[in-house]
Amino acid sequence: MRLWTALSLLVVARVGLWAESDIEALRTIAQSPFDGDLIASADFRARNWLGPVIAGVLGLSGHLTFFLFHVGLGILLLVVGYLVVLPDKTDLEVARGTVLLLAAVPGMALPFFWVGNDSVTLLLLSMFVLAQQSAVGTGLLGVLIGLNHFEHGIVAIAAFMLWKILRSPSVKQWPSAALPSFVGLVGVGLGRLLQNIIFHQLEVGDVESRAGIALLDRSDWSSTKAVFYVSPLLLWSFLGLGIVIFMIGTSRDRWASAVSLLLISVPAIISFDQTRVFLVTSLPIFLGALRDSPIEARRKVGQRLLPFVTVWCLTPWIYMESWKIAGSATPYSLAWLLDHLTSFEMSTFPR
């Protein structure tokens, strides 16, 4: 319990608590999640339908309660992530190393940095990793993911399936390694189909999908070309200290992780919503690799806990969405505070 509390404090202190820009549109749906007009008013955001439905059924559609509902899902994500990666029997150094490695997984901080519907998708993806021994479980979770965020689900589970295949010792084991994820992919497709049927019955009309916005209906690709100009920040967002610590603490099959994570960056670049797409869709690979990482590698991280935590806290966690750039609570909020208390101008990435 102490270690999980430390994990929670590390993650929240790292990024702070901020609201997602789309949270109000989804809260409107939660007020009456089966009202076709309210769903249509949210436009493409209505595709993130599962979260508002759950909040609406629970009566959590007020400004504060809807916000706290998603904060609670973020906390639950930390719990599930902890259950996925913590070994059954371990010493204190291994446990400390495991907690720091989990806190350093980039996607674990997103539900707090941007409180909103991503916490639903991330929680379902973490449960998907936990349910790998049951194809029925992964299929059902796939349906729920499809009801909430079809595009993220397809990318995340397909990349996770590739990661499982690449680290298989022989070609003969590919089918068994890929089966749970394949069933999950089928479930994601069924979830989107079910959502379309429900929307049709509610007379919602056409609701644009993010795949259409990012790929099918685009006439201008200048934003994708512009990735070149922000590539230093893009690389820092993708390959920041969290991934460095992760690679140190997971010495098994690093090349499989590297290849799979590199492929995930492609749809992130295309949509030019780089950081968020990568943070969500990479979570299953990070959790899976950390779950299977050698105990000795975790112990090495635990033995060097203080320097790792210090550098981790002082290194910016950069969030990028189009040309909008925001920094983590540590150290950018400290720099912002210093700006207001002195004549310095250190906060270069204001929220």
Protein backbone atom coordinates (compact mmCIF):
# COMPACT_ATOMS: atom_id res chain seq x y z
CA MET A 1 0.00 0.00 0.00
CA ARG A 2 2.84 2.37 0.79
CA LEU A 3 4.48 1.69 -2.56
CA TRP A 4 1.22 2.23 -4.47
CA THR A 5 0.68 5.50 -2.59
CA ALA A 6 4.21 6.56 -3.50
CA LEU A 7 3.48 5.70 -7.14
CA SER A 8 0.32 7.83 -7.10
CA LEU A 9 2.11 10.80 -5.55
CA LEU A 10 4.98 10.51 -8.03
CA VAL A 11 2.67 10.52 -11.05
CA VAL A 12 0.42 13.35 -9.87
CA ALA A 13 3.32 15.49 -8.65
CA ARG A 14 4.95 14.93 -12.01
CA VAL A 15 2.16 16.37 -14.17
CA GLY A 16 -0.44 17.97 -11.91
CA LEU A 17 -4.23 17.82 -12.41
CA TRP A 18 -5.65 19.55 -15.49
CA ALA A 19 -8.96 19.21 -17.36
CA GLU A 20 -9.28 17.85 -20.91
CA SER A 21 -10.49 20.43 -23.41
CA ASP A 22 -13.30 18.12 -24.60
CA ILE A 23 -14.57 17.22 -21.14
CA GLU A 24 -17.54 19.61 -21.25
CA ALA A 25 -18.86 18.19 -24.54
CA LEU A 26 -18.73 14.67 -23.08
CA ARG A 27 -20.32 15.84 -19.82
CA THR A 28 -23.25 17.13 -21.88
CA ILE A 29 -23.78 13.62 -23.26
CA ALA A 30 -23.58 12.18 -19.74
CA GLN A 31 -26.60 14.27 -18.72
CA SER A 32 -28.70 12.07 -20.99
CA PRO A 33 -26.46 9.50 -22.75
CA PHE A 34 -29.30 8.03 -24.85
CA ASP A 35 -30.52 11.36 -26.19
CA GLY A 36 -29.77 11.42 -29.92
CA ASP A 37 -29.67 15.21 -30.12
CA LEU A 38 -27.16 15.53 -27.27
CA ILE A 39 -24.97 12.85 -28.82
CA ALA A 40 -25.04 14.58 -32.21
CA SER A 41 -24.16 17.92 -30.60
CA ALA A 42 -20.81 16.48 -29.49
CA ASP A 43 -19.83 15.75 -33.12
CA PHE A 44 -16.84 13.36 -33.43
CA ARG A 45 -16.36 13.45 -29.65
CA ALA A 46 -19.53 11.37 -29.36
CA ARG A 47 -17.45 8.37 -30.45
CA ASN A 48 -15.99 8.43 -26.92
CA TRP A 49 -19.43 7.30 -25.80
CA LEU A 50 -18.75 4.66 -23.14
CA GLY A 51 -17.39 7.04 -20.51
CA PRO A 52 -20.38 9.42 -20.62
CA VAL A 53 -22.76 6.44 -20.52
CA ILE A 54 -21.16 5.07 -17.34
CA ALA A 55 -21.05 8.51 -15.73
CA GLY A 56 -24.66 9.19 -16.73
CA VAL A 57 -25.92 5.88 -15.34
CA LEU A 58 -24.10 6.58 -12.06
CA GLY A 59 -25.54 10.09 -11.90
CA LEU A 60 -22.12 11.75 -12.16
CA SER A 61 -22.86 14.36 -14.81
CA GLY A 62 -22.23 17.51 -12.76
CA HIS A 63 -19.17 19.67 -13.43
CA LEU A 64 -17.27 18.48 -10.34
CA THR A 65 -18.59 14.91 -10.18
CA PHE A 66 -17.81 14.26 -13.87
CA PHE A 67 -14.28 15.58 -13.35
CA LEU A 68 -13.76 13.50 -10.18
CA PHE A 69 -15.20 10.42 -11.93
CA HIS A 70 -12.38 10.56 -14.47
CA VAL A 71 -9.78 11.29 -11.79
CA GLY A 72 -11.02 8.15 -10.05
CA LEU A 73 -10.56 6.14 -13.24
CA GLY A 74 -6.99 7.45 -13.45
CA ILE A 75 -6.37 6.24 -9.90
CA LEU A 76 -7.89 2.88 -10.82
CA LEU A 77 -5.47 2.75 -13.76
CA LEU A 78 -2.59 3.03 -11.29
CA VAL A 79 -4.08 0.17 -9.26
CA VAL A 80 -4.48 -2.11 -12.29
CA GLY A 81 -1.03 -1.18 -13.61
CA TYR A 82 0.44 -2.05 -10.22
CA LEU A 83 -1.33 -5.44 -10.28
CA VAL A 84 -0.03 -6.13 -13.80
CA VAL A 85 3.65 -5.50 -13.13
CA LEU A 86 4.30 -6.27 -9.43
CA PRO A 87 5.94 -9.70 -8.93
CA ASP A 88 4.30 -12.17 -6.55
CA LYS A 89 7.39 -12.50 -4.38
CA THR A 90 9.96 -9.75 -4.25
CA ASP A 91 12.24 -7.79 -1.97
CA LEU A 92 12.01 -4.08 -1.23
CA GLU A 93 14.59 -3.00 -3.82
CA VAL A 94 12.80 -4.86 -6.61
CA ALA A 95 9.45 -3.41 -5.50
CA ARG A 96 10.86 0.12 -5.44
CA GLY A 97 12.39 -0.33 -8.89
CA THR A 98 9.10 -1.69 -10.22
CA VAL A 99 7.14 1.28 -8.85
CA LEU A 100 9.55 3.80 -10.36
CA LEU A 101 9.48 2.02 -13.72
CA LEU A 102 5.67 2.02 -13.68
CA ALA A 103 5.58 5.71 -12.78
CA ALA A 104 7.98 6.40 -15.66
CA VAL A 105 5.67 4.77 -18.24
CA PRO A 106 4.59 7.87 -20.21
CA GLY A 107 0.91 6.94 -20.56
CA MET A 108 0.38 6.48 -16.82
CA ALA A 109 0.46 10.25 -16.29
CA LEU A 110 -2.01 11.18 -19.05
CA PRO A 111 -5.26 10.71 -17.05
CA PHE A 112 -4.02 13.35 -14.61
CA PHE A 113 -2.34 15.72 -17.04
CA TRP A 114 -5.50 15.71 -19.18
CA VAL A 115 -8.38 14.57 -16.97
CA GLY A 116 -11.03 13.19 -19.30
CA ASN A 117 -12.12 10.29 -21.45
CA ASP A 118 -8.63 8.97 -22.13
CA SER A 119 -8.71 7.52 -18.61
CA VAL A 120 -11.48 5.16 -19.79
CA THR A 121 -9.43 3.90 -22.75
CA LEU A 122 -6.22 3.60 -20.74
CA LEU A 123 -7.94 1.68 -17.95
CA LEU A 124 -9.48 -0.75 -20.43
CA LEU A 125 -6.10 -1.24 -22.16
CA SER A 126 -4.39 -1.98 -18.84
CA MET A 127 -7.12 -4.51 -18.02
CA PHE A 128 -6.57 -5.98 -21.50
CA VAL A 129 -2.93 -6.73 -20.57
CA LEU A 130 -4.06 -8.22 -17.26
CA ALA A 131 -6.55 -10.51 -19.06
CA GLN A 132 -4.08 -12.07 -21.49
CA GLN A 133 -4.76 -15.61 -20.27
CA SER A 134 -8.41 -15.39 -21.36
CA ALA A 135 -9.39 -14.85 -24.98
CA VAL A 136 -12.98 -14.32 -23.84
CA GLY A 137 -11.78 -11.59 -21.47
CA THR A 138 -9.74 -9.82 -24.14
CA GLY A 139 -12.66 -10.06 -26.56
CA LEU A 140 -15.11 -8.46 -24.11
CA LEU A 141 -12.63 -5.73 -23.25
CA GLY A 142 -12.12 -5.16 -26.97
CA VAL A 143 -15.86 -4.53 -27.37
CA LEU A 144 -15.76 -1.94 -24.56
CA ILE A 145 -12.72 -0.27 -26.12
CA GLY A 146 -14.51 -0.14 -29.46
CA LEU A 147 -17.46 1.57 -27.78
CA ASN A 148 -15.14 4.20 -26.35
CA HIS A 149 -12.27 4.80 -28.80
CA PHE A 150 -12.14 2.55 -31.85
CA GLU A 151 -9.02 4.08 -33.46
CA HIS A 152 -6.88 3.98 -30.34
CA GLY A 153 -8.00 0.43 -29.65
CA ILE A 154 -7.05 -0.84 -33.11
CA VAL A 155 -3.58 0.73 -33.02
CA ALA A 156 -2.82 -0.25 -29.41
CA ILE A 157 -3.93 -3.87 -29.64
CA ALA A 158 -2.43 -4.45 -33.10
CA ALA A 159 0.93 -3.10 -31.91
CA PHE A 160 0.71 -5.20 -28.77
CA MET A 161 -0.01 -8.29 -30.88
CA LEU A 162 3.05 -7.51 -33.03
CA TRP A 163 5.13 -7.12 -29.87
CA LYS A 164 3.95 -10.54 -28.63
CA ILE A 165 4.82 -12.13 -31.99
CA LEU A 166 8.27 -10.52 -32.25
CA ARG A 167 9.31 -11.79 -28.83
CA SER A 168 8.09 -15.35 -29.45
CA PRO A 169 10.99 -17.82 -29.50
CA SER A 170 9.74 -19.63 -32.62
CA VAL A 171 7.34 -19.21 -35.53
CA LYS A 172 5.27 -22.13 -34.24
CA GLN A 173 4.32 -20.10 -31.17
CA TRP A 174 3.06 -17.10 -33.15
CA PRO A 175 -0.61 -18.25 -33.26
CA SER A 176 -0.83 -18.80 -29.50
CA ALA A 177 0.99 -15.52 -28.82
CA ALA A 178 -1.30 -13.56 -31.15
CA LEU A 179 -4.66 -15.20 -30.30
CA PRO A 180 -5.74 -13.06 -27.28
CA SER A 181 -4.88 -9.84 -29.10
CA PHE A 182 -6.54 -11.01 -32.32
CA VAL A 183 -9.74 -11.76 -30.42
CA GLY A 184 -9.42 -8.31 -28.84
CA LEU A 185 -9.16 -6.71 -32.29
CA VAL A 186 -12.31 -8.51 -33.38
CA GLY A 187 -13.96 -7.22 -30.21
CA VAL A 188 -12.93 -3.64 -31.00
CA GLY A 189 -14.56 -3.94 -34.43
CA LEU A 190 -17.72 -5.37 -32.87
CA GLY A 191 -17.75 -2.52 -30.37
CA ARG A 192 -17.73 0.08 -33.13
CA LEU A 193 -20.42 -1.85 -35.02
CA LEU A 194 -22.55 -1.99 -31.86
CA GLN A 195 -22.07 1.74 -31.35
CA ASN A 196 -23.19 2.45 -34.92
CA ILE A 197 -26.30 0.31 -34.40
CA ILE A 198 -27.15 2.11 -31.14
CA PHE A 199 -26.61 5.53 -32.70
CA HIS A 200 -28.84 4.53 -35.61
CA GLN A 201 -31.60 3.40 -33.23
CA LEU A 202 -31.29 6.70 -31.34
CA GLU A 203 -31.51 8.57 -34.68
CA VAL A 204 -28.23 10.32 -34.05
CA GLY A 205 -27.35 10.68 -37.72
CA ASP A 206 -23.83 10.68 -39.10
CA VAL A 207 -21.09 11.14 -36.51
CA GLU A 208 -17.66 11.71 -38.02
CA SER A 209 -14.91 9.34 -36.92
CA ARG A 210 -11.36 10.33 -36.07
CA ALA A 211 -10.09 8.00 -38.80
CA GLY A 212 -12.02 10.09 -41.30
CA ILE A 213 -10.70 13.34 -39.87
CA ALA A 214 -7.09 12.17 -39.79
CA LEU A 215 -6.96 10.10 -42.98
CA LEU A 216 -9.96 9.75 -45.26
CA ASP A 217 -11.29 13.31 -45.44
CA ARG A 218 -8.04 15.28 -45.42
CA SER A 219 -7.08 17.59 -48.25
CA ASP A 220 -4.14 19.28 -46.55
CA TRP A 221 -1.18 17.36 -45.16
CA SER A 222 0.83 20.40 -44.13
CA SER A 223 0.43 19.57 -40.45
CA THR A 224 2.11 16.21 -41.02
CA LYS A 225 4.97 17.88 -42.89
CA ALA A 226 5.29 20.32 -40.02
CA VAL A 227 6.35 17.45 -37.75
CA PHE A 228 9.84 17.98 -39.18
CA TYR A 229 10.04 21.42 -37.60
CA VAL A 230 9.10 20.19 -34.14
CA SER A 231 11.01 16.90 -34.40
CA PRO A 232 13.37 17.71 -31.48
CA LEU A 233 10.38 18.15 -29.18
CA LEU A 234 8.63 15.20 -30.81
CA LEU A 235 11.59 12.94 -30.09
CA TRP A 236 11.80 14.22 -26.54
CA SER A 237 8.12 13.48 -26.06
CA PHE A 238 8.47 9.98 -27.47
CA LEU A 239 11.94 9.11 -26.24
CA GLY A 240 12.18 11.08 -23.01
CA LEU A 241 13.53 9.87 -19.73
CA GLY A 242 10.54 7.63 -19.05
CA ILE A 243 11.46 5.36 -21.95
CA VAL A 244 15.18 5.50 -21.05
CA ILE A 245 14.44 4.26 -17.52
CA PHE A 246 12.06 1.70 -18.99
CA MET A 247 14.74 0.31 -21.34
CA ILE A 248 17.22 0.07 -18.46
CA GLY A 249 14.74 -1.82 -16.31
CA THR A 250 13.47 -4.19 -19.02
CA SER A 251 16.49 -5.83 -20.58
CA ARG A 252 14.51 -8.64 -22.23
CA ASP A 253 13.49 -8.27 -25.89
CA ARG A 254 14.28 -4.56 -26.16
CA TRP A 255 14.35 -4.74 -29.93
CA ALA A 256 10.75 -6.02 -30.03
CA SER A 257 9.65 -3.10 -27.86
CA ALA A 258 11.63 -0.61 -29.97
CA VAL A 259 10.16 -1.83 -33.28
CA SER A 260 6.58 -1.91 -31.96
CA LEU A 261 6.83 1.54 -30.36
CA LEU A 262 8.33 2.97 -33.54
CA LEU A 263 5.36 1.72 -35.56
CA ILE A 264 2.97 3.30 -33.05
CA SER A 265 4.56 6.68 -33.77
CA VAL A 266 3.35 6.54 -37.40
CA PRO A 267 -0.40 7.09 -36.77
CA ALA A 268 0.56 9.61 -34.08
CA ILE A 269 2.50 11.66 -36.64
CA ILE A 270 -0.24 11.35 -39.27
CA SER A 271 -2.90 12.72 -36.94
CA PHE A 272 -0.44 15.38 -35.69
CA ASP A 273 -1.72 14.78 -32.19
CA GLN A 274 1.57 13.11 -31.50
CA THR A 275 1.98 12.84 -27.79
CA ARG A 276 -1.55 11.86 -26.82
CA VAL A 277 -1.91 9.16 -29.48
CA PHE A 278 1.47 7.69 -28.55
CA LEU A 279 0.80 7.84 -24.80
CA VAL A 280 -2.50 5.95 -25.09
CA THR A 281 -1.60 3.36 -27.70
CA SER A 282 1.83 2.48 -26.28
CA LEU A 283 0.54 1.61 -22.81
CA PRO A 284 -0.07 -2.15 -23.41
CA ILE A 285 3.49 -2.66 -24.70
CA PHE A 286 5.00 -0.80 -21.76
CA LEU A 287 2.95 -2.74 -19.22
CA GLY A 288 3.55 -6.07 -20.95
CA ALA A 289 7.30 -5.55 -21.19
CA LEU A 290 7.53 -4.37 -17.59
CA ARG A 291 5.45 -7.33 -16.40
CA ASP A 292 7.88 -9.73 -18.09
CA SER A 293 11.07 -7.84 -17.21
CA PRO A 294 13.79 -9.67 -15.25
CA ILE A 295 13.76 -9.21 -11.49
CA GLU A 296 17.44 -8.31 -11.49
CA ALA A 297 16.90 -5.44 -13.92
CA ARG A 298 14.24 -3.99 -11.63
CA ARG A 299 16.55 -4.40 -8.65
CA LYS A 300 19.22 -2.31 -10.37
CA VAL A 301 16.72 0.51 -10.77
CA GLY A 302 15.63 0.16 -7.15
CA GLN A 303 19.23 0.31 -5.95
CA ARG A 304 19.68 3.66 -7.72
CA LEU A 305 16.31 5.04 -6.70
CA LEU A 306 17.33 8.50 -5.49
CA PRO A 307 19.29 9.63 -8.60
CA PHE A 308 16.61 8.17 -10.91
CA VAL A 309 13.77 9.94 -9.07
CA THR A 310 15.70 13.22 -8.97
CA VAL A 311 16.46 13.28 -12.69
CA TRP A 312 12.95 12.02 -13.50
CA CYS A 313 11.33 14.87 -11.53
CA LEU A 314 13.56 17.57 -13.02
CA THR A 315 13.21 16.45 -16.64
CA PRO A 316 10.21 17.96 -18.47
CA TRP A 317 7.31 15.72 -19.48
CA ILE A 318 6.28 17.42 -22.73
CA TYR A 319 2.75 17.19 -24.11
CA MET A 320 2.21 18.15 -27.74
CA GLU A 321 -1.04 18.61 -29.63
CA SER A 322 -0.69 20.17 -33.06
CA TRP A 323 1.33 23.35 -32.47
CA LYS A 324 0.21 23.61 -28.86
CA ILE A 325 2.92 22.60 -26.41
CA ALA A 326 2.54 22.20 -22.67
CA GLY A 327 4.97 21.10 -20.00
CA SER A 328 4.60 18.98 -16.90
CA ALA A 329 3.88 20.35 -13.45
CA THR A 330 7.48 19.55 -12.59
CA PRO A 331 9.46 21.62 -13.41
CA TYR A 332 7.34 24.00 -15.50
CA SER A 333 4.84 24.99 -12.84
CA LEU A 334 7.80 25.71 -10.58
CA ALA A 335 9.28 27.89 -13.32
CA TRP A 336 5.92 29.63 -13.74
CA LEU A 337 5.79 30.30 -9.99
CA LEU A 338 9.32 31.67 -10.08
CA ASP A 339 8.30 34.02 -12.91
CA HIS A 340 5.57 35.50 -10.75
CA LEU A 341 7.73 35.86 -7.67
CA THR A 342 10.77 37.34 -9.42
CA SER A 343 11.71 39.22 -12.58
CA PHE A 344 12.91 36.07 -14.38
CA GLU A 345 11.17 34.60 -17.45
CA MET A 346 11.78 30.88 -17.22
CA SER A 347 8.36 29.41 -18.04
CA THR A 348 8.65 29.00 -21.82
CA PHE A 349 5.80 26.49 -22.16
CA PRO A 350 2.78 28.11 -20.48
CA ARG A 351 -0.41 26.06 -20.19
